[in-house]
Protein backbone atom coordinates (compact mmCIF):
# COMPACT_ATOMS: atom_id res chain seq x y z
CA UNK A 1 -20.48 -21.48 -18.05
CA UNK A 2 -17.62 -19.95 -20.03
CA UNK A 3 -18.55 -16.50 -18.76
CA UNK A 4 -18.55 -17.75 -15.17
CA UNK A 5 -15.08 -19.27 -15.51
CA UNK A 6 -13.75 -16.10 -17.10
CA UNK A 7 -15.32 -14.01 -14.34
CA UNK A 8 -13.58 -16.02 -11.62
CA UNK A 9 -10.19 -16.40 -13.30
CA UNK A 10 -7.56 -14.45 -11.35
CA UNK A 11 -6.03 -12.38 -14.11
CA UNK A 12 -6.28 -8.83 -12.73
CA UNK A 13 -3.58 -7.00 -10.79
CA UNK A 14 -4.40 -6.69 -7.07
CA UNK A 15 -5.87 -3.43 -5.82
CA UNK A 16 -4.22 -1.44 -3.04
CA UNK A 17 -6.97 -2.56 -0.66
CA UNK A 18 -6.23 -6.20 -1.47
CA UNK A 19 -2.53 -5.65 -0.73
CA UNK A 20 -3.32 -3.76 2.50
CA UNK A 21 -5.67 -6.52 3.65
CA UNK A 22 -3.02 -9.16 2.98
CA UNK A 23 -0.46 -7.12 4.92
CA UNK A 24 -2.91 -6.75 7.81
CA UNK A 25 -3.20 -10.55 7.97
CA UNK A 26 0.58 -10.95 8.05
CA UNK A 27 0.72 -12.17 4.45
CA UNK A 28 3.68 -10.31 2.95
CA UNK A 29 6.32 -10.87 0.31
CA UNK A 30 9.34 -12.21 2.15
CA UNK A 31 12.57 -13.83 1.05
CA UNK A 32 14.46 -15.83 3.64
CA UNK A 33 17.58 -15.35 1.56
CA UNK A 34 17.40 -11.58 2.05
CA UNK A 35 17.22 -12.09 5.82
CA UNK A 36 20.17 -14.48 5.58
CA UNK A 37 22.07 -11.90 3.50
CA UNK A 38 21.68 -9.31 6.24
CA UNK A 39 22.93 -11.79 8.83
CA UNK A 40 25.93 -12.59 6.64
CA UNK A 41 26.50 -8.85 6.23
CA UNK A 42 26.40 -8.54 10.02
CA UNK A 43 28.94 -11.34 10.35
CA UNK A 44 31.17 -9.56 7.82
CA UNK A 45 30.92 -6.31 9.79
CA UNK A 46 31.68 -8.05 13.06
CA UNK A 47 34.57 -9.95 11.50
CA UNK A 48 36.06 -6.85 9.91
CA UNK A 49 35.65 -4.33 12.72
CA UNK A 50 34.98 -6.17 15.99
CA UNK A 51 36.82 -9.49 16.11
CA UNK A 52 40.35 -8.12 16.49
CA UNK A 53 39.43 -5.57 19.22
CA UNK A 54 37.33 -8.24 20.92
CA UNK A 55 40.16 -10.77 20.77
CA UNK A 56 42.61 -8.19 22.13
CA UNK A 57 40.28 -7.36 24.99
CA UNK A 58 39.70 -10.99 25.86
CA UNK A 59 43.44 -11.64 25.75
CA UNK A 60 44.08 -8.80 28.17
CA UNK A 61 41.23 -9.75 30.52
CA UNK A 62 41.91 -13.49 30.55
CA UNK A 63 45.70 -13.28 30.77
CA UNK A 64 45.49 -13.11 34.52
CA UNK A 65 43.61 -16.41 34.67
CA UNK A 66 46.32 -18.17 32.72
CA UNK A 67 49.20 -16.63 34.66
CA UNK A 68 47.60 -17.24 38.07
CA UNK A 69 45.77 -20.45 37.25
CA UNK A 70 47.55 -22.29 40.11
CA UNK A 71 46.32 -19.74 42.65
CA UNK A 72 42.64 -19.65 41.67
CA UNK A 73 40.49 -21.33 44.35
CA UNK A 74 38.20 -24.04 43.02
CA UNK A 75 36.01 -24.52 46.07
CA UNK A 76 32.32 -23.65 45.98
CA UNK A 77 32.57 -19.90 46.48
CA UNK A 78 35.75 -19.55 44.44
CA UNK A 79 34.37 -21.48 41.51
CA UNK A 80 31.17 -19.45 41.61
CA UNK A 81 33.14 -16.20 41.59
CA UNK A 82 35.30 -17.54 38.74
CA UNK A 83 32.26 -18.30 36.61
CA UNK A 84 30.67 -14.91 37.33
CA UNK A 85 33.84 -13.04 36.45
CA UNK A 86 34.38 -15.07 33.31
CA UNK A 87 30.74 -14.57 32.32
CA UNK A 88 31.00 -10.80 32.71
CA UNK A 89 34.16 -10.69 30.60
CA UNK A 90 32.67 -12.83 27.83
CA UNK A 91 29.32 -10.99 27.96
CA UNK A 92 30.92 -7.56 27.65
CA UNK A 93 33.06 -8.79 24.75
CA UNK A 94 30.18 -10.45 22.89
CA UNK A 95 27.51 -7.80 23.57
CA UNK A 96 28.34 -5.58 20.61
CA UNK A 97 28.65 -8.39 18.01
CA UNK A 98 25.38 -9.93 19.19
CA UNK A 99 23.66 -6.53 19.08
CA UNK A 100 24.91 -5.95 15.53
CA UNK A 101 23.62 -9.35 14.39
CA UNK A 102 20.22 -8.73 16.03
CA UNK A 103 19.89 -5.34 14.34
CA UNK A 104 20.83 -6.81 10.97
CA UNK A 105 18.30 -9.62 11.42
CA UNK A 106 15.53 -7.07 12.10
CA UNK A 107 16.61 -4.95 9.14
CA UNK A 108 16.47 -8.04 6.94
CA UNK A 109 12.70 -8.09 7.51
CA UNK A 110 12.01 -4.35 7.54
CA UNK A 111 13.60 -3.73 4.13
CA UNK A 112 11.25 -6.27 2.56
CA UNK A 113 7.98 -4.96 3.95
CA UNK A 114 6.66 -2.42 6.41
CA UNK A 115 6.19 -3.38 10.03
CA UNK A 116 3.48 -6.00 10.54
CA UNK A 117 1.27 -6.06 13.62
CA UNK A 118 -1.07 -8.98 13.18
CA UNK A 119 -2.37 -11.81 15.36
CA UNK A 120 -3.74 -13.67 12.35
CA UNK A 121 -0.79 -16.12 12.11
CA UNK A 122 -1.25 -16.96 15.83
CA UNK A 123 -4.92 -17.90 15.51
CA UNK A 124 -5.28 -21.68 16.04
CA UNK A 125 -6.25 -23.49 12.87
CA UNK A 126 -6.98 -27.17 12.43
CA UNK A 127 -5.01 -27.22 9.19
CA UNK A 128 -1.85 -26.37 11.14
CA UNK A 129 -2.11 -29.49 13.32
CA UNK A 130 -3.84 -31.80 10.87
CA UNK A 131 -1.54 -34.69 9.87
CA UNK A 132 -3.06 -34.74 6.38
CA UNK A 133 -2.43 -31.02 5.89
CA UNK A 134 1.07 -31.38 7.28
CA UNK A 135 1.83 -34.28 4.95
CA UNK A 136 0.47 -32.27 2.02
CA UNK A 137 2.66 -29.29 2.93
CA UNK A 138 5.68 -31.52 3.39
CA UNK A 139 5.44 -32.90 -0.13
CA UNK A 140 3.96 -29.85 -1.82
CA UNK A 141 5.60 -28.22 -4.87
CA UNK A 142 6.59 -25.30 -2.64
CA UNK A 143 8.42 -27.59 -0.21
CA UNK A 144 10.14 -29.34 -3.10
CA UNK A 145 11.18 -25.95 -4.51
CA UNK A 146 12.56 -24.87 -1.13
CA UNK A 147 14.49 -28.14 -0.82
CA UNK A 148 16.02 -27.78 -4.29
CA UNK A 149 16.79 -24.12 -3.61
CA UNK A 150 18.53 -24.94 -0.34
CA UNK A 151 20.50 -27.75 -1.96
CA UNK A 152 21.63 -25.48 -4.80
CA UNK A 153 22.62 -22.80 -2.31
CA UNK A 154 24.79 -25.27 -0.39
CA UNK A 155 26.42 -26.45 -3.60
CA UNK A 156 27.09 -22.92 -4.83
CA UNK A 157 28.44 -21.68 -1.49
CA UNK A 158 30.53 -24.84 -1.15
CA UNK A 159 31.98 -24.33 -4.62
CA UNK A 160 32.83 -20.71 -3.82
CA UNK A 161 34.55 -21.76 -0.59
CA UNK A 162 36.43 -24.45 -2.49
CA UNK A 163 37.58 -21.94 -5.11
CA UNK A 164 38.84 -19.64 -2.37
CA UNK A 165 40.64 -22.33 -0.33
CA UNK A 166 42.05 -24.44 -3.18
CA UNK A 167 44.92 -22.05 -4.02
CA UNK A 168 45.90 -22.14 -0.32
CA UNK A 169 45.97 -25.94 -0.06
CA UNK A 170 49.76 -26.06 0.12
CA UNK A 171 49.80 -23.67 3.07
CA UNK A 172 47.39 -25.74 5.15
CA UNK A 173 50.02 -28.39 5.94
CA UNK A 174 52.48 -25.77 7.17
CA UNK A 175 49.96 -24.38 9.65
CA UNK A 176 50.76 -27.25 12.04
CA UNK A 177 54.30 -25.98 12.60
CA UNK A 178 53.41 -22.28 12.89
CA UNK A 179 53.52 -20.37 16.14
CA UNK A 180 50.30 -19.02 17.57
CA UNK A 181 50.62 -15.45 16.25
CA UNK A 182 51.33 -16.54 12.67
CA UNK A 183 48.58 -19.17 12.84
CA UNK A 184 46.04 -16.59 13.98
CA UNK A 185 47.08 -14.19 11.21
CA UNK A 186 46.75 -16.85 8.51
CA UNK A 187 43.41 -18.04 9.94
CA UNK A 188 42.20 -14.44 9.93
CA UNK A 189 43.14 -14.03 6.28
CA UNK A 190 41.44 -17.29 5.29
CA UNK A 191 38.36 -16.41 7.31
CA UNK A 192 37.98 -12.95 5.75
CA UNK A 193 38.37 -14.37 2.25
CA UNK A 194 35.62 -16.88 2.98
CA UNK A 195 33.32 -14.24 4.48
CA UNK A 196 33.79 -11.92 1.49
CA UNK A 197 33.27 -14.74 -1.01
CA UNK A 198 30.14 -16.02 0.74
CA UNK A 199 28.84 -12.44 1.05
CA UNK A 200 29.20 -11.83 -2.68
CA UNK A 201 27.48 -15.03 -3.72
CA UNK A 202 24.74 -14.51 -1.11
CA UNK A 203 24.12 -11.06 -2.58
CA UNK A 204 23.34 -12.60 -5.95
CA UNK A 205 21.21 -15.37 -4.42
CA UNK A 206 19.26 -12.92 -2.22
CA UNK A 207 18.53 -10.57 -5.15
CA UNK A 208 17.25 -13.40 -7.35
CA UNK A 209 15.16 -14.92 -4.57
CA UNK A 210 13.66 -11.56 -3.60
CA UNK A 211 12.50 -10.93 -7.17
CA UNK A 212 11.07 -14.44 -7.34
CA UNK A 213 9.26 -14.18 -4.00
CA UNK A 214 7.86 -10.73 -4.86
CA UNK A 215 6.58 -11.97 -8.21
CA UNK A 216 5.12 -15.09 -6.60
CA UNK A 217 3.37 -13.05 -3.89
CA UNK A 218 1.88 -10.62 -6.43
CA UNK A 219 0.63 -13.57 -8.49
CA UNK A 220 -0.99 -15.02 -5.37
CA UNK A 221 -2.73 -11.69 -4.66
CA UNK A 222 -4.15 -11.34 -8.17
CA UNK A 223 -7.90 -10.94 -8.37
CA UNK A 224 -10.70 -12.05 -10.64
CA UNK A 225 -13.22 -9.65 -12.12
CA UNK A 226 -15.73 -10.92 -9.59
CA UNK A 227 -13.32 -10.18 -6.73
CA UNK A 228 -12.91 -6.61 -7.98
CA UNK A 229 -16.67 -6.16 -8.27
CA UNK A 230 -17.23 -7.53 -4.76
CA UNK A 231 -14.51 -5.29 -3.34
CA UNK A 232 -16.04 -2.27 -5.05
CA UNK A 233 -19.42 -3.13 -3.55
CA UNK A 234 -17.88 -3.36 -0.09
CA UNK A 235 -15.99 -0.07 -0.32
CA UNK A 236 -18.17 2.08 -2.57
CA UNK A 237 -21.52 0.34 -2.31
CA UNK A 238 -23.53 -1.66 -4.82
CA UNK A 239 -23.52 0.26 -8.15
CA UNK A 240 -27.16 -0.70 -8.75
CA UNK A 241 -28.20 0.66 -5.35
CA UNK A 242 -26.12 3.80 -5.82
CA UNK A 243 -27.67 4.33 -9.25
CA UNK A 244 -31.15 3.93 -7.81
CA UNK A 245 -30.41 6.41 -5.01
CA UNK A 246 -28.96 8.87 -7.51
CA UNK A 247 -32.08 8.49 -9.64
CA UNK A 248 -34.30 9.11 -6.61
CA UNK A 249 -32.31 12.22 -5.67
CA UNK A 250 -32.58 13.55 -9.21
CA UNK A 251 -36.30 12.85 -9.27
CA UNK A 252 -36.77 14.58 -5.91
CA UNK A 253 -34.76 17.58 -7.10
CA UNK A 254 -36.76 17.74 -10.33
CA UNK A 255 -40.01 17.64 -8.36
CA UNK A 256 -38.91 20.53 -6.12
CA UNK A 257 -37.77 22.43 -9.21
CA UNK A 258 -41.17 22.01 -10.87
CA UNK A 259 -42.92 23.16 -7.69
CA UNK A 260 -40.93 26.41 -7.87
CA UNK A 261 -41.94 27.24 -11.47
CA UNK A 262 -45.23 28.97 -10.46
CA UNK A 263 -43.19 31.46 -8.41
CA UNK A 264 -41.08 32.52 -11.41
CA UNK A 265 -41.29 35.87 -13.16
CA UNK A 266 -40.54 34.70 -16.67
CA UNK A 267 -39.56 31.53 -18.55
CA UNK A 268 -36.95 32.01 -21.27
CA UNK A 269 -37.20 29.40 -24.00
CA UNK A 270 -35.51 28.14 -27.12
CA UNK A 271 -38.69 27.46 -28.38
CA UNK A 272 -38.67 23.64 -28.01
CA UNK A 273 -35.42 22.36 -26.48
CA UNK A 274 -34.53 24.72 -23.61
CA UNK A 275 -36.49 26.36 -20.80
CA UNK A 276 -35.11 28.49 -17.96
CA UNK A 277 -37.42 29.90 -15.29
CA UNK A 278 -36.25 33.15 -13.66
CA UNK A 279 -37.54 35.04 -10.65
CA UNK A 280 -36.97 38.71 -9.97
CA UNK A 281 -38.53 40.99 -7.39
CA UNK A 282 -37.68 44.49 -6.30
CA UNK A 283 -35.00 44.30 -3.63
CA UNK A 284 -33.25 41.23 -5.08
CA UNK A 285 -29.56 41.72 -5.97
CA UNK A 286 -29.97 39.71 -9.18
CA UNK A 287 -32.53 37.46 -10.87
CA UNK A 288 -32.45 33.83 -9.70
CA UNK A 289 -32.85 30.63 -11.70
CA UNK A 290 -35.70 28.60 -10.21
CA UNK A 291 -35.81 25.82 -12.80
CA UNK A 292 -34.18 24.75 -16.03
CA UNK A 293 -34.35 21.80 -18.36
CA UNK A 294 -34.15 20.48 -21.89
CA UNK A 295 -36.50 18.46 -24.07
CA UNK A 296 -39.18 16.79 -21.92
CA UNK A 297 -38.25 18.76 -18.81
CA UNK A 298 -38.34 21.98 -20.85
CA UNK A 299 -41.83 21.10 -22.12
CA UNK A 300 -42.98 20.39 -18.58
CA UNK A 301 -41.66 23.77 -17.36
CA UNK A 302 -43.48 25.59 -20.17
CA UNK A 303 -46.67 23.69 -19.46
CA UNK A 304 -46.62 24.65 -15.78
CA UNK A 305 -45.80 28.25 -16.72
CA UNK A 306 -48.83 28.46 -19.04
CA UNK A 307 -51.08 26.97 -16.39
CA UNK A 308 -49.94 29.70 -13.97
CA UNK A 309 -49.89 32.58 -16.48
CA UNK A 310 -46.11 32.91 -16.37
CA UNK A 311 -44.84 34.75 -19.47
CA UNK A 312 -42.83 32.74 -21.99
CA UNK A 313 -40.14 34.66 -23.85
CA UNK A 314 -38.28 33.12 -26.76
CA UNK A 315 -34.58 33.97 -26.69
CA UNK A 316 -32.57 30.96 -27.87
CA UNK A 317 -29.04 32.34 -27.26
CA UNK A 318 -29.90 33.51 -23.73
CA UNK A 319 -31.78 30.30 -22.91
CA UNK A 320 -28.82 28.14 -23.97
CA UNK A 321 -26.31 30.39 -22.15
CA UNK A 322 -28.25 30.39 -18.86
CA UNK A 323 -28.82 26.64 -19.02
CA UNK A 324 -25.08 25.99 -19.52
CA UNK A 325 -23.68 28.45 -16.96
CA UNK A 326 -26.18 28.83 -14.11
CA UNK A 327 -27.39 26.12 -11.71
CA UNK A 328 -30.80 25.99 -10.08
CA UNK A 329 -31.17 28.37 -7.09
CA UNK A 330 -28.19 30.43 -8.26
CA UNK A 331 -28.20 34.10 -9.22
CA UNK A 332 -27.68 35.12 -12.82
CA UNK A 333 -24.01 36.15 -13.32
CA UNK A 334 -23.06 39.67 -14.29
CA UNK A 335 -22.25 38.81 -17.91
CA UNK A 336 -25.95 38.04 -18.47
CA UNK A 337 -27.39 41.01 -16.57
CA UNK A 338 -28.08 43.12 -19.64
CA UNK A 339 -29.81 40.41 -21.64
CA UNK A 340 -31.88 39.26 -18.66
CA UNK A 341 -32.74 42.85 -17.73
CA UNK A 342 -34.12 43.41 -21.22
CA UNK A 343 -36.31 40.33 -20.94
CA UNK A 344 -37.58 41.20 -17.47
CA UNK A 345 -38.14 44.82 -18.52
CA UNK A 346 -40.19 43.58 -21.45
CA UNK A 347 -42.25 41.34 -19.14
CA UNK A 348 -42.83 44.22 -16.69
CA UNK A 349 -44.06 46.45 -19.51
CA UNK A 350 -46.47 43.73 -20.66
CA UNK A 351 -47.85 43.35 -17.13
CA UNK A 352 -48.25 47.10 -16.75
CA UNK A 353 -50.16 47.30 -20.05
CA UNK A 354 -52.48 44.51 -18.95
CA UNK A 355 -53.07 46.24 -15.64
CA UNK A 356 -53.82 49.56 -17.38
CA UNK A 357 -56.24 47.92 -19.81
CA UNK A 358 -57.94 46.13 -16.96
CA UNK A 359 -58.56 49.39 -15.16
């Protein structure tokens, strides 16, 4: 029982496949505070670079309405034309700020994770509409954490805004008596101070929350030893099956190798541990290794060679060298030509003597 619990305890770092599968399902590390930070950054950009030109353009375009307000028809067609003209003016003025905010909102997601194309979150699930599941989510530790986090964020941002505005408290009363131009200038200054202050504090909050969300997501993706074994079986195959197949392939190769021993010209041995069967015929570019083995396989090669009257030549250094450097069905390399040639020459002489004696 203890081994089973250890085997299923999620203590291992997630594999790349586990992370890719989670991403494919739309499960990614995401901080809402980072997205909010990009929106705030977009507001800061718009406020710094676009508000004054936009206000100047609106002032120029709408001045005619104020000057000629008494002459503007308010009947059906006139009112419709007035709304269309006003809509075009406001739309052209707000198009660029809205586009900037949309781009920043998209960037707020792209910087956290690569683009996600998944229908998994859209698949209907009973847990999403179940009142019991909804109640559990509403009062879950995660919901409580989000509530506390949001409350702290409001308190911190409120304190920052208070720190910025408190030194200007004496100037707020005088704003009532200011003319429009001075009032707009002071409002602009206050607004930019607030935007910069909120931007700075949101930078800190977003960085902390991103690290927390990334750590939390990695912890959620952690795997148990059993998960890793199951994943390996799915991607690489069952190790037991692969081992059995490898054993069958080795056995099949060994059987073919043994069947080739009777065709060899000589078997070079070290008299007990190594055996290398070579074949050489006139017209071949180099002798070829038909079989090789150590220990039991070496004994089997020698036994087959004796049964088929294949000469056995003891040459321990050459046997070890050929076994280590030449694979089955490969030609003997040049560095062993001389030693092999001596062995094969010796075997040829022995065969010629036997043939002469026989005649």
